[in-house]
Amino acid sequence: MAGEPAATAVLEPEQPADHARSSIDPLKNLATEVPGFYLQIPPTGIPWEDVERQIVIRALEMSNWVQKDAAELLSISPRVMNYKIKTLRIAIQRRSHLATT
């Protein structure tokens, strides 16, 4: 009605059960839930592109720079891996095909 103040809604976050509140901390347990994964975020932050580049490079190193194998490590298709390599400007390490005698 005219002259009445507009109603405002206050949304409060849903509170977890008491037992869940103390045991669930997704950031604290990330390193233990994903073996071999550790990411240090500086207090000033880090651009997502840098994080993604580090992850793709690490997968490529682990797979001896075989894109198909690196894609499997990250559960993405080889096509997506190739796209990430191009868009993140990652230089591929070429293996020498020359036989050494």
N, C-alpha and C. Protein backbone atom coordinates (compact mmCIF):
# COMPACT_ATOMS: atom_id res chain seq x y z
N MET A 1 0.83 -1.17 0.00
CA MET A 1 0.00 0.00 0.00
C MET A 1 0.88 1.24 0.00
N ALA A 2 0.32 2.36 -0.38
CA ALA A 2 1.06 3.61 -0.43
C ALA A 2 1.42 4.06 0.97
N GLY A 3 2.64 4.53 1.14
CA GLY A 3 3.08 5.05 2.43
C GLY A 3 3.69 4.01 3.35
N GLU A 4 3.51 2.71 3.05
CA GLU A 4 4.11 1.67 3.88
C GLU A 4 5.51 1.37 3.38
N PRO A 5 6.44 1.13 4.31
CA PRO A 5 7.80 0.81 3.87
C PRO A 5 7.82 -0.53 3.15
N ALA A 6 8.73 -0.63 2.18
CA ALA A 6 8.86 -1.88 1.41
C ALA A 6 9.42 -2.97 2.32
N ALA A 7 8.92 -4.15 2.16
CA ALA A 7 9.40 -5.28 2.95
C ALA A 7 10.75 -5.73 2.40
N THR A 8 11.63 -6.10 3.29
CA THR A 8 12.93 -6.62 2.86
C THR A 8 13.09 -8.04 3.38
N ALA A 9 13.70 -8.84 2.59
CA ALA A 9 13.93 -10.24 2.98
C ALA A 9 15.37 -10.39 3.42
N VAL A 10 15.57 -11.07 4.51
CA VAL A 10 16.91 -11.35 4.99
C VAL A 10 17.15 -12.84 4.85
N LEU A 11 18.13 -13.19 4.05
CA LEU A 11 18.45 -14.59 3.85
C LEU A 11 19.61 -14.97 4.76
N GLU A 12 19.41 -15.99 5.55
CA GLU A 12 20.46 -16.46 6.42
C GLU A 12 20.95 -17.80 5.90
N PRO A 13 22.28 -18.03 5.97
CA PRO A 13 22.78 -19.31 5.49
C PRO A 13 22.24 -20.46 6.31
N GLU A 14 22.00 -21.55 5.62
CA GLU A 14 21.50 -22.74 6.30
C GLU A 14 22.59 -23.28 7.22
N GLN A 15 22.25 -23.55 8.46
CA GLN A 15 23.23 -24.03 9.42
C GLN A 15 23.30 -25.55 9.35
N PRO A 16 24.53 -26.11 9.25
CA PRO A 16 24.65 -27.57 9.25
C PRO A 16 24.39 -28.13 10.63
N ALA A 17 24.14 -29.43 10.70
CA ALA A 17 23.93 -30.09 11.98
C ALA A 17 25.19 -29.95 12.82
N ASP A 18 25.04 -29.98 14.15
CA ASP A 18 26.17 -29.78 15.05
C ASP A 18 27.31 -30.75 14.78
N HIS A 19 27.00 -32.03 14.51
CA HIS A 19 28.06 -33.00 14.29
C HIS A 19 28.81 -32.74 12.98
N ALA A 20 28.12 -32.21 11.97
CA ALA A 20 28.75 -31.94 10.69
C ALA A 20 29.59 -30.66 10.74
N ARG A 21 29.18 -29.69 11.52
CA ARG A 21 29.87 -28.41 11.57
C ARG A 21 31.32 -28.58 12.00
N SER A 22 31.61 -29.45 12.94
CA SER A 22 32.96 -29.59 13.45
C SER A 22 33.84 -30.48 12.58
N SER A 23 33.24 -31.39 11.81
CA SER A 23 34.06 -32.34 11.07
C SER A 23 34.26 -31.99 9.60
N ILE A 24 33.50 -31.07 9.05
CA ILE A 24 33.61 -30.77 7.63
C ILE A 24 34.29 -29.42 7.43
N ASP A 25 35.44 -29.45 6.79
CA ASP A 25 36.17 -28.24 6.40
C ASP A 25 36.81 -28.56 5.07
N PRO A 26 36.12 -28.28 3.95
CA PRO A 26 36.61 -28.73 2.64
C PRO A 26 37.99 -28.21 2.29
N LEU A 27 38.35 -27.00 2.69
CA LEU A 27 39.67 -26.48 2.36
C LEU A 27 40.76 -27.17 3.18
N LYS A 28 40.45 -27.46 4.43
CA LYS A 28 41.43 -28.10 5.31
C LYS A 28 41.76 -29.51 4.85
N ASN A 29 40.76 -30.24 4.35
CA ASN A 29 40.95 -31.64 4.01
C ASN A 29 41.27 -31.89 2.54
N LEU A 30 41.42 -30.84 1.73
CA LEU A 30 41.63 -31.02 0.30
C LEU A 30 42.88 -31.85 0.00
N ALA A 31 43.98 -31.56 0.68
CA ALA A 31 45.23 -32.28 0.41
C ALA A 31 45.12 -33.75 0.78
N THR A 32 44.33 -34.08 1.79
CA THR A 32 44.21 -35.49 2.18
C THR A 32 43.19 -36.22 1.32
N GLU A 33 42.23 -35.52 0.76
CA GLU A 33 41.22 -36.17 -0.08
C GLU A 33 41.73 -36.48 -1.47
N VAL A 34 42.67 -35.68 -1.97
CA VAL A 34 43.23 -35.88 -3.29
C VAL A 34 44.72 -36.14 -3.11
N PRO A 35 45.13 -37.40 -3.08
CA PRO A 35 46.54 -37.73 -2.84
C PRO A 35 47.46 -37.07 -3.86
N GLY A 36 48.53 -36.49 -3.39
CA GLY A 36 49.50 -35.86 -4.28
C GLY A 36 49.12 -34.47 -4.73
N PHE A 37 48.01 -33.95 -4.25
CA PHE A 37 47.57 -32.63 -4.67
C PHE A 37 47.77 -31.63 -3.56
N TYR A 38 48.47 -30.56 -3.86
CA TYR A 38 48.66 -29.50 -2.89
C TYR A 38 48.74 -28.19 -3.66
N LEU A 39 47.98 -27.22 -3.26
CA LEU A 39 47.96 -25.92 -3.91
C LEU A 39 48.05 -24.85 -2.85
N GLN A 40 49.08 -24.05 -2.91
CA GLN A 40 49.26 -22.95 -1.97
C GLN A 40 48.75 -21.68 -2.64
N ILE A 41 47.75 -21.06 -2.04
CA ILE A 41 47.21 -19.81 -2.58
C ILE A 41 47.80 -18.67 -1.76
N PRO A 42 48.53 -17.76 -2.42
CA PRO A 42 49.11 -16.65 -1.67
C PRO A 42 48.03 -15.71 -1.15
N PRO A 43 48.32 -14.97 -0.09
CA PRO A 43 47.32 -14.05 0.48
C PRO A 43 46.82 -13.02 -0.53
N THR A 44 47.63 -12.69 -1.52
CA THR A 44 47.22 -11.71 -2.52
C THR A 44 46.38 -12.33 -3.63
N GLY A 45 46.25 -13.67 -3.60
CA GLY A 45 45.46 -14.37 -4.61
C GLY A 45 46.33 -14.81 -5.77
N ILE A 46 45.73 -15.54 -6.69
CA ILE A 46 46.43 -16.03 -7.87
C ILE A 46 45.42 -16.12 -9.01
N PRO A 47 45.81 -15.67 -10.20
CA PRO A 47 44.88 -15.76 -11.34
C PRO A 47 44.56 -17.21 -11.67
N TRP A 48 43.30 -17.50 -11.98
CA TRP A 48 42.88 -18.86 -12.29
C TRP A 48 43.69 -19.43 -13.45
N GLU A 49 44.01 -18.60 -14.44
CA GLU A 49 44.77 -19.08 -15.60
C GLU A 49 46.12 -19.65 -15.15
N ASP A 50 46.75 -19.03 -14.16
CA ASP A 50 48.03 -19.54 -13.66
C ASP A 50 47.86 -20.89 -12.97
N VAL A 51 46.78 -21.04 -12.21
CA VAL A 51 46.50 -22.31 -11.54
C VAL A 51 46.27 -23.40 -12.58
N GLU A 52 45.44 -23.10 -13.55
CA GLU A 52 45.12 -24.07 -14.59
C GLU A 52 46.37 -24.45 -15.38
N ARG A 53 47.22 -23.46 -15.70
CA ARG A 53 48.46 -23.72 -16.43
C ARG A 53 49.35 -24.69 -15.63
N GLN A 54 49.49 -24.45 -14.33
CA GLN A 54 50.33 -25.31 -13.49
C GLN A 54 49.79 -26.75 -13.48
N ILE A 55 48.48 -26.89 -13.40
CA ILE A 55 47.87 -28.22 -13.37
C ILE A 55 48.10 -28.96 -14.69
N VAL A 56 47.90 -28.27 -15.80
CA VAL A 56 48.08 -28.90 -17.11
C VAL A 56 49.54 -29.27 -17.32
N ILE A 57 50.46 -28.38 -16.96
CA ILE A 57 51.89 -28.68 -17.12
C ILE A 57 52.28 -29.87 -16.26
N ARG A 58 51.79 -29.92 -15.03
CA ARG A 58 52.12 -31.05 -14.15
C ARG A 58 51.61 -32.37 -14.73
N ALA A 59 50.40 -32.36 -15.29
CA ALA A 59 49.85 -33.58 -15.91
C ALA A 59 50.69 -33.98 -17.12
N LEU A 60 51.13 -33.00 -17.89
CA LEU A 60 51.97 -33.29 -19.06
C LEU A 60 53.32 -33.87 -18.62
N GLU A 61 53.91 -33.32 -17.57
CA GLU A 61 55.18 -33.85 -17.06
C GLU A 61 55.00 -35.29 -16.57
N MET A 62 53.91 -35.54 -15.87
CA MET A 62 53.67 -36.88 -15.34
C MET A 62 53.44 -37.90 -16.46
N SER A 63 52.98 -37.43 -17.61
CA SER A 63 52.68 -38.33 -18.72
C SER A 63 53.76 -38.30 -19.80
N ASN A 64 54.95 -37.78 -19.43
CA ASN A 64 56.05 -37.67 -20.38
C ASN A 64 55.66 -36.87 -21.63
N TRP A 65 54.85 -35.86 -21.43
CA TRP A 65 54.40 -34.91 -22.45
C TRP A 65 53.54 -35.57 -23.54
N VAL A 66 52.91 -36.69 -23.20
CA VAL A 66 51.96 -37.32 -24.12
C VAL A 66 50.59 -36.74 -23.78
N GLN A 67 50.06 -35.94 -24.70
CA GLN A 67 48.82 -35.20 -24.43
C GLN A 67 47.65 -36.11 -24.10
N LYS A 68 47.52 -37.22 -24.81
CA LYS A 68 46.41 -38.15 -24.56
C LYS A 68 46.47 -38.67 -23.14
N ASP A 69 47.65 -39.04 -22.68
CA ASP A 69 47.81 -39.56 -21.33
C ASP A 69 47.57 -38.48 -20.28
N ALA A 70 48.04 -37.27 -20.55
CA ALA A 70 47.82 -36.15 -19.62
C ALA A 70 46.33 -35.84 -19.52
N ALA A 71 45.62 -35.93 -20.63
CA ALA A 71 44.18 -35.70 -20.63
C ALA A 71 43.47 -36.72 -19.75
N GLU A 72 43.90 -37.98 -19.84
CA GLU A 72 43.31 -39.02 -19.01
C GLU A 72 43.54 -38.75 -17.52
N LEU A 73 44.74 -38.26 -17.18
CA LEU A 73 45.02 -37.93 -15.78
C LEU A 73 44.06 -36.89 -15.23
N LEU A 74 43.64 -35.95 -16.09
CA LEU A 74 42.75 -34.87 -15.67
C LEU A 74 41.29 -35.14 -15.98
N SER A 75 40.99 -36.33 -16.50
CA SER A 75 39.62 -36.71 -16.86
C SER A 75 38.99 -35.73 -17.84
N ILE A 76 39.79 -35.34 -18.83
CA ILE A 76 39.27 -34.50 -19.91
C ILE A 76 39.61 -35.19 -21.22
N SER A 77 38.98 -34.76 -22.30
CA SER A 77 39.25 -35.38 -23.60
C SER A 77 40.57 -34.84 -24.15
N PRO A 78 41.21 -35.61 -25.04
CA PRO A 78 42.43 -35.11 -25.68
C PRO A 78 42.20 -33.80 -26.44
N ARG A 79 41.01 -33.65 -26.96
CA ARG A 79 40.68 -32.42 -27.68
C ARG A 79 40.68 -31.22 -26.73
N VAL A 80 40.12 -31.39 -25.54
CA VAL A 80 40.12 -30.32 -24.54
C VAL A 80 41.56 -30.05 -24.08
N MET A 81 42.34 -31.10 -23.92
CA MET A 81 43.75 -30.92 -23.52
C MET A 81 44.48 -30.08 -24.55
N ASN A 82 44.29 -30.40 -25.83
CA ASN A 82 44.94 -29.63 -26.89
C ASN A 82 44.49 -28.17 -26.86
N TYR A 83 43.21 -27.94 -26.62
CA TYR A 83 42.68 -26.58 -26.53
C TYR A 83 43.32 -25.82 -25.36
N LYS A 84 43.44 -26.50 -24.20
CA LYS A 84 44.05 -25.87 -23.02
C LYS A 84 45.50 -25.52 -23.29
N ILE A 85 46.23 -26.41 -23.95
CA ILE A 85 47.63 -26.15 -24.26
C ILE A 85 47.76 -24.91 -25.13
N LYS A 86 46.88 -24.79 -26.11
CA LYS A 86 46.93 -23.62 -26.99
C LYS A 86 46.52 -22.34 -26.27
N THR A 87 45.40 -22.38 -25.54
CA THR A 87 44.89 -21.14 -24.91
C THR A 87 45.75 -20.70 -23.73
N LEU A 88 46.41 -21.65 -23.06
CA LEU A 88 47.27 -21.30 -21.93
C LEU A 88 48.71 -21.05 -22.38
N ARG A 89 48.94 -21.14 -23.69
CA ARG A 89 50.24 -20.87 -24.28
C ARG A 89 51.35 -21.70 -23.62
N ILE A 90 51.13 -23.02 -23.63
CA ILE A 90 52.10 -23.95 -23.06
C ILE A 90 52.96 -24.49 -24.20
N ALA A 91 54.27 -24.35 -24.07
CA ALA A 91 55.18 -24.88 -25.08
C ALA A 91 55.38 -26.37 -24.83
N ILE A 92 55.10 -27.17 -25.84
CA ILE A 92 55.22 -28.63 -25.71
C ILE A 92 56.68 -29.03 -25.84
N GLN A 93 57.11 -29.88 -24.93
CA GLN A 93 58.47 -30.42 -24.96
C GLN A 93 58.51 -31.53 -26.00
N ARG A 94 59.28 -31.35 -27.03
CA ARG A 94 59.37 -32.36 -28.09
C ARG A 94 60.47 -33.35 -27.75
N ARG A 95 60.14 -34.63 -27.90
CA ARG A 95 61.14 -35.68 -27.70
C ARG A 95 61.96 -35.83 -28.98
N SER A 96 63.22 -36.06 -28.82
CA SER A 96 64.09 -36.26 -29.96
C SER A 96 63.85 -37.67 -30.52
N HIS A 97 63.61 -37.73 -31.80
CA HIS A 97 63.39 -39.01 -32.45
C HIS A 97 64.67 -39.56 -33.07
N LEU A 98 65.78 -38.87 -32.84
CA LEU A 98 67.05 -39.32 -33.38
C LEU A 98 67.62 -40.42 -32.50
N ALA A 99 68.04 -41.48 -33.11
CA ALA A 99 68.64 -42.57 -32.36
C ALA A 99 70.08 -42.22 -32.04
N THR A 100 70.46 -42.43 -30.80
CA THR A 100 71.84 -42.17 -30.41
C THR A 100 72.60 -43.49 -30.46
N THR A 101 73.77 -43.43 -31.05
CA THR A 101 74.57 -44.66 -31.15
C THR A 101 75.84 -44.54 -30.38
